[in-house]
Amino acid sequence: MELTSKQRAQLRGLANTIDTIVQVGKDGIGENLVKQAGDALEARELIKGRVLENNIEYDARTAAAELAKATRSEVVQVIGSKFVLYRESHSKPREKRIQLVKSRAKKA
C-alpha cells in the first residue's frame, strides 16, 4: 500500500508524540531486530527508530528502507538519525487501528 502525502502528513503528526523503540546499533539489521520491529508494528502500527552513532554501515535512510522492506511496512519519514515506519495491524479490531485519511479518486 502506497501512502499519499496527506496520509504521510497525518502519520508524521502522530509520530511526534511517540518514543523511539527500535535502535539500529553496531550489529546492523539482523533477524532479531526485524522480528522486534515487526512485532512492534503489529502492536502499534506506527514506530519510531534510530540509527546509533556507532553504526558505520547504515545511515538512517538506508536503514529505514531496508527495515521497511523486511517488515513489509512503509517509510513515513526520515530526519537526521531517526525514522518512522507504518504498517496497518491485522490483529487489532478495526476501530482501534489508526484511521488514515482517505485518498480521493482523481476525476477523469
N, C-alpha and C. Protein backbone atom coordinates (compact mmCIF):
# COMPACT_ATOMS: atom_id res chain seq x y z
N MET A 1 0.83 -1.18 0.00
CA MET A 1 0.00 0.00 0.00
C MET A 1 0.88 1.25 0.00
N GLU A 2 0.71 2.08 -0.99
CA GLU A 2 1.49 3.31 -1.09
C GLU A 2 0.74 4.43 -0.35
N LEU A 3 1.44 5.14 0.52
CA LEU A 3 0.83 6.23 1.27
C LEU A 3 0.79 7.50 0.45
N THR A 4 -0.31 8.26 0.58
CA THR A 4 -0.40 9.56 -0.08
C THR A 4 0.30 10.60 0.78
N SER A 5 0.51 11.79 0.25
CA SER A 5 1.19 12.83 1.01
C SER A 5 0.35 13.27 2.22
N LYS A 6 -0.96 13.27 2.09
CA LYS A 6 -1.82 13.63 3.23
C LYS A 6 -1.74 12.57 4.32
N GLN A 7 -1.69 11.31 3.92
CA GLN A 7 -1.57 10.24 4.91
C GLN A 7 -0.21 10.30 5.61
N ARG A 8 0.85 10.59 4.84
CA ARG A 8 2.17 10.74 5.44
C ARG A 8 2.18 11.89 6.45
N ALA A 9 1.55 13.00 6.09
CA ALA A 9 1.49 14.16 6.99
C ALA A 9 0.75 13.80 8.27
N GLN A 10 -0.35 13.06 8.14
CA GLN A 10 -1.11 12.63 9.31
C GLN A 10 -0.25 11.73 10.21
N LEU A 11 0.46 10.78 9.62
CA LEU A 11 1.31 9.87 10.39
C LEU A 11 2.51 10.58 11.01
N ARG A 12 3.06 11.56 10.30
CA ARG A 12 4.17 12.36 10.87
C ARG A 12 3.70 13.08 12.12
N GLY A 13 2.49 13.62 12.09
CA GLY A 13 1.93 14.30 13.25
C GLY A 13 1.76 13.35 14.43
N LEU A 14 1.27 12.14 14.15
CA LEU A 14 1.10 11.15 15.22
C LEU A 14 2.44 10.69 15.77
N ALA A 15 3.46 10.65 14.92
CA ALA A 15 4.78 10.16 15.33
C ALA A 15 5.51 11.13 16.25
N ASN A 16 5.09 12.39 16.26
CA ASN A 16 5.77 13.38 17.11
C ASN A 16 5.73 13.00 18.59
N THR A 17 4.67 12.36 19.01
CA THR A 17 4.48 12.09 20.43
C THR A 17 4.98 10.71 20.87
N ILE A 18 5.39 9.86 19.95
CA ILE A 18 5.81 8.51 20.35
C ILE A 18 7.31 8.46 20.60
N ASP A 19 7.71 7.50 21.41
CA ASP A 19 9.12 7.32 21.76
C ASP A 19 9.81 6.40 20.75
N THR A 20 11.13 6.52 20.68
CA THR A 20 11.94 5.65 19.84
C THR A 20 12.00 4.27 20.49
N ILE A 21 11.59 3.23 19.74
CA ILE A 21 11.61 1.89 20.32
C ILE A 21 12.53 0.92 19.58
N VAL A 22 12.97 1.29 18.38
CA VAL A 22 13.87 0.43 17.60
C VAL A 22 15.18 1.17 17.40
N GLN A 23 16.29 0.50 17.73
CA GLN A 23 17.60 1.12 17.56
C GLN A 23 18.48 0.20 16.73
N VAL A 24 19.04 0.77 15.66
CA VAL A 24 19.96 0.03 14.81
C VAL A 24 21.36 0.34 15.32
N GLY A 25 21.98 -0.65 15.94
CA GLY A 25 23.29 -0.47 16.54
C GLY A 25 24.41 -0.96 15.65
N LYS A 26 25.54 -1.29 16.28
CA LYS A 26 26.72 -1.70 15.52
C LYS A 26 26.53 -3.04 14.82
N ASP A 27 25.57 -3.86 15.28
CA ASP A 27 25.32 -5.15 14.65
C ASP A 27 24.50 -5.02 13.37
N GLY A 28 23.95 -3.84 13.11
CA GLY A 28 23.18 -3.63 11.89
C GLY A 28 21.77 -4.19 12.01
N ILE A 29 21.20 -4.57 10.87
CA ILE A 29 19.83 -5.07 10.83
C ILE A 29 19.88 -6.59 10.71
N GLY A 30 19.67 -7.24 11.83
CA GLY A 30 19.66 -8.71 11.86
C GLY A 30 18.24 -9.21 12.02
N GLU A 31 18.10 -10.53 12.11
CA GLU A 31 16.75 -11.09 12.19
C GLU A 31 16.07 -10.76 13.51
N ASN A 32 16.85 -10.58 14.60
CA ASN A 32 16.24 -10.18 15.87
C ASN A 32 15.63 -8.79 15.79
N LEU A 33 16.34 -7.87 15.16
CA LEU A 33 15.83 -6.50 15.00
C LEU A 33 14.60 -6.49 14.10
N VAL A 34 14.62 -7.28 13.04
CA VAL A 34 13.47 -7.36 12.13
C VAL A 34 12.26 -7.92 12.88
N LYS A 35 12.47 -8.95 13.69
CA LYS A 35 11.37 -9.53 14.47
C LYS A 35 10.83 -8.52 15.48
N GLN A 36 11.73 -7.82 16.16
CA GLN A 36 11.32 -6.81 17.14
C GLN A 36 10.50 -5.71 16.46
N ALA A 37 10.97 -5.23 15.33
CA ALA A 37 10.26 -4.18 14.61
C ALA A 37 8.91 -4.69 14.08
N GLY A 38 8.88 -5.91 13.58
CA GLY A 38 7.63 -6.49 13.08
C GLY A 38 6.60 -6.65 14.18
N ASP A 39 7.04 -7.13 15.35
CA ASP A 39 6.12 -7.28 16.48
C ASP A 39 5.61 -5.92 16.95
N ALA A 40 6.49 -4.93 16.98
CA ALA A 40 6.09 -3.59 17.40
C ALA A 40 5.11 -2.97 16.41
N LEU A 41 5.34 -3.19 15.11
CA LEU A 41 4.42 -2.68 14.10
C LEU A 41 3.05 -3.32 14.21
N GLU A 42 3.01 -4.61 14.50
CA GLU A 42 1.72 -5.29 14.64
C GLU A 42 0.96 -4.75 15.86
N ALA A 43 1.68 -4.47 16.92
CA ALA A 43 1.04 -3.98 18.14
C ALA A 43 0.68 -2.50 18.07
N ARG A 44 1.55 -1.68 17.44
CA ARG A 44 1.37 -0.23 17.49
C ARG A 44 1.03 0.42 16.15
N GLU A 45 1.36 -0.21 15.05
CA GLU A 45 1.18 0.27 13.68
C GLU A 45 2.18 1.35 13.28
N LEU A 46 2.59 2.19 14.22
CA LEU A 46 3.49 3.30 13.92
C LEU A 46 4.64 3.23 14.91
N ILE A 47 5.88 3.12 14.40
CA ILE A 47 7.04 3.05 15.29
C ILE A 47 8.10 4.04 14.85
N LYS A 48 8.90 4.45 15.82
CA LYS A 48 10.00 5.35 15.55
C LYS A 48 11.30 4.61 15.84
N GLY A 49 12.25 4.74 14.93
CA GLY A 49 13.53 4.08 15.10
C GLY A 49 14.68 5.06 15.00
N ARG A 50 15.86 4.58 15.35
CA ARG A 50 17.04 5.44 15.35
C ARG A 50 18.26 4.64 14.99
N VAL A 51 19.16 5.24 14.23
CA VAL A 51 20.44 4.61 13.91
C VAL A 51 21.47 5.22 14.86
N LEU A 52 22.10 4.36 15.65
CA LEU A 52 23.08 4.84 16.62
C LEU A 52 24.36 5.27 15.93
N GLU A 53 25.13 6.13 16.61
CA GLU A 53 26.35 6.67 16.02
C GLU A 53 27.43 5.62 15.79
N ASN A 54 27.39 4.53 16.56
CA ASN A 54 28.43 3.50 16.41
C ASN A 54 28.18 2.60 15.21
N ASN A 55 27.12 2.83 14.46
CA ASN A 55 26.83 2.04 13.26
C ASN A 55 27.46 2.74 12.06
N ILE A 56 28.44 2.10 11.44
CA ILE A 56 29.11 2.71 10.29
C ILE A 56 28.56 2.21 8.96
N GLU A 57 27.75 1.15 9.04
CA GLU A 57 27.23 0.53 7.82
C GLU A 57 26.01 1.25 7.25
N TYR A 58 25.14 1.77 8.10
CA TYR A 58 23.86 2.34 7.67
C TYR A 58 23.75 3.82 8.03
N ASP A 59 23.13 4.58 7.13
CA ASP A 59 22.61 5.88 7.53
C ASP A 59 21.11 5.66 7.76
N ALA A 60 20.41 6.66 8.26
CA ALA A 60 19.01 6.48 8.63
C ALA A 60 18.13 6.12 7.43
N ARG A 61 18.40 6.72 6.28
CA ARG A 61 17.56 6.46 5.10
C ARG A 61 17.69 5.02 4.62
N THR A 62 18.90 4.50 4.52
CA THR A 62 19.07 3.13 4.05
C THR A 62 18.59 2.12 5.09
N ALA A 63 18.81 2.42 6.38
CA ALA A 63 18.32 1.52 7.44
C ALA A 63 16.80 1.47 7.42
N ALA A 64 16.15 2.62 7.26
CA ALA A 64 14.68 2.66 7.23
C ALA A 64 14.16 1.90 6.02
N ALA A 65 14.79 2.08 4.87
CA ALA A 65 14.33 1.39 3.66
C ALA A 65 14.50 -0.12 3.79
N GLU A 66 15.62 -0.57 4.34
CA GLU A 66 15.87 -2.00 4.48
C GLU A 66 14.94 -2.62 5.53
N LEU A 67 14.73 -1.91 6.62
CA LEU A 67 13.84 -2.42 7.67
C LEU A 67 12.38 -2.43 7.19
N ALA A 68 12.00 -1.42 6.41
CA ALA A 68 10.64 -1.38 5.86
C ALA A 68 10.41 -2.54 4.90
N LYS A 69 11.41 -2.85 4.09
CA LYS A 69 11.28 -3.97 3.17
C LYS A 69 11.18 -5.29 3.92
N ALA A 70 11.98 -5.45 4.96
CA ALA A 70 11.99 -6.69 5.73
C ALA A 70 10.70 -6.88 6.53
N THR A 71 10.08 -5.78 6.96
CA THR A 71 8.86 -5.88 7.77
C THR A 71 7.59 -5.61 6.97
N ARG A 72 7.72 -5.42 5.66
CA ARG A 72 6.59 -5.11 4.78
C ARG A 72 5.82 -3.89 5.28
N SER A 73 6.56 -2.83 5.59
CA SER A 73 5.96 -1.59 6.08
C SER A 73 6.33 -0.44 5.15
N GLU A 74 5.86 0.75 5.49
CA GLU A 74 6.13 1.95 4.71
C GLU A 74 7.00 2.92 5.51
N VAL A 75 7.96 3.54 4.85
CA VAL A 75 8.75 4.59 5.48
C VAL A 75 7.91 5.86 5.44
N VAL A 76 7.64 6.42 6.61
CA VAL A 76 6.83 7.64 6.69
C VAL A 76 7.74 8.85 6.60
N GLN A 77 8.86 8.81 7.33
CA GLN A 77 9.72 9.98 7.40
C GLN A 77 11.10 9.59 7.89
N VAL A 78 12.11 10.34 7.43
CA VAL A 78 13.48 10.18 7.92
C VAL A 78 14.02 11.58 8.21
N ILE A 79 14.43 11.79 9.46
CA ILE A 79 15.02 13.07 9.84
C ILE A 79 16.28 12.78 10.66
N GLY A 80 17.41 13.24 10.18
CA GLY A 80 18.67 13.03 10.89
C GLY A 80 18.95 11.54 11.04
N SER A 81 19.07 11.09 12.29
CA SER A 81 19.34 9.67 12.53
C SER A 81 18.07 8.91 12.90
N LYS A 82 16.92 9.56 12.84
CA LYS A 82 15.65 8.92 13.22
C LYS A 82 14.77 8.66 12.00
N PHE A 83 13.93 7.64 12.12
CA PHE A 83 13.00 7.30 11.05
C PHE A 83 11.70 6.78 11.65
N VAL A 84 10.63 6.86 10.85
CA VAL A 84 9.31 6.41 11.28
C VAL A 84 8.78 5.42 10.25
N LEU A 85 8.26 4.28 10.74
CA LEU A 85 7.68 3.25 9.88
C LEU A 85 6.22 3.04 10.24
N TYR A 86 5.41 2.67 9.23
CA TYR A 86 3.99 2.40 9.43
C TYR A 86 3.59 1.11 8.72
N ARG A 87 2.78 0.30 9.40
CA ARG A 87 2.16 -0.86 8.78
C ARG A 87 0.83 -1.09 9.49
N GLU A 88 -0.22 -1.24 8.70
CA GLU A 88 -1.54 -1.47 9.28
C GLU A 88 -1.56 -2.81 10.01
N SER A 89 -2.11 -2.81 11.21
CA SER A 89 -2.21 -4.02 12.01
C SER A 89 -3.40 -4.84 11.56
N HIS A 90 -3.24 -6.16 11.57
CA HIS A 90 -4.35 -7.03 11.22
C HIS A 90 -4.88 -7.76 12.44
N SER A 91 -4.20 -7.64 13.57
CA SER A 91 -4.65 -8.31 14.78
C SER A 91 -5.54 -7.41 15.64
N LYS A 92 -5.44 -6.10 15.45
CA LYS A 92 -6.27 -5.18 16.22
C LYS A 92 -7.66 -5.06 15.61
N PRO A 93 -8.68 -4.80 16.42
CA PRO A 93 -10.01 -4.53 15.85
C PRO A 93 -9.96 -3.26 14.99
N ARG A 94 -10.77 -3.21 13.97
CA ARG A 94 -10.74 -2.10 13.03
C ARG A 94 -10.90 -0.74 13.71
N GLU A 95 -11.73 -0.65 14.74
CA GLU A 95 -11.97 0.65 15.39
C GLU A 95 -10.79 1.11 16.23
N LYS A 96 -9.86 0.21 16.55
CA LYS A 96 -8.68 0.61 17.33
C LYS A 96 -7.46 0.89 16.47
N ARG A 97 -7.58 0.68 15.17
CA ARG A 97 -6.47 0.95 14.26
C ARG A 97 -6.37 2.45 13.97
N ILE A 98 -5.22 2.85 13.46
CA ILE A 98 -5.05 4.24 13.01
C ILE A 98 -5.93 4.44 11.78
N GLN A 99 -6.81 5.41 11.82
CA GLN A 99 -7.69 5.69 10.70
C GLN A 99 -7.02 6.72 9.79
N LEU A 100 -6.52 6.27 8.66
CA LEU A 100 -5.86 7.16 7.71
C LEU A 100 -6.89 7.96 6.94
N VAL A 101 -6.52 9.19 6.56
CA VAL A 101 -7.40 9.99 5.72
C VAL A 101 -7.55 9.28 4.39
N LYS A 102 -8.72 9.32 3.84
CA LYS A 102 -8.99 8.64 2.57
C LYS A 102 -8.42 9.45 1.42
N SER A 103 -7.87 8.74 0.45
CA SER A 103 -7.40 9.42 -0.76
C SER A 103 -8.56 9.48 -1.74
N ARG A 104 -8.78 10.66 -2.28
CA ARG A 104 -9.88 10.82 -3.23
C ARG A 104 -9.43 10.42 -4.61
N ALA A 105 -10.34 9.80 -5.33
CA ALA A 105 -10.03 9.41 -6.71
C ALA A 105 -10.01 10.64 -7.59
N LYS A 106 -9.07 10.68 -8.52
CA LYS A 106 -8.96 11.83 -9.43
C LYS A 106 -10.05 11.74 -10.48
N LYS A 107 -10.59 12.90 -10.83
CA LYS A 107 -11.61 12.93 -11.87
C LYS A 107 -10.97 12.80 -13.24
N ALA A 108 -11.62 12.04 -14.10
CA ALA A 108 -11.06 11.81 -15.44
C ALA A 108 -11.39 12.93 -16.37
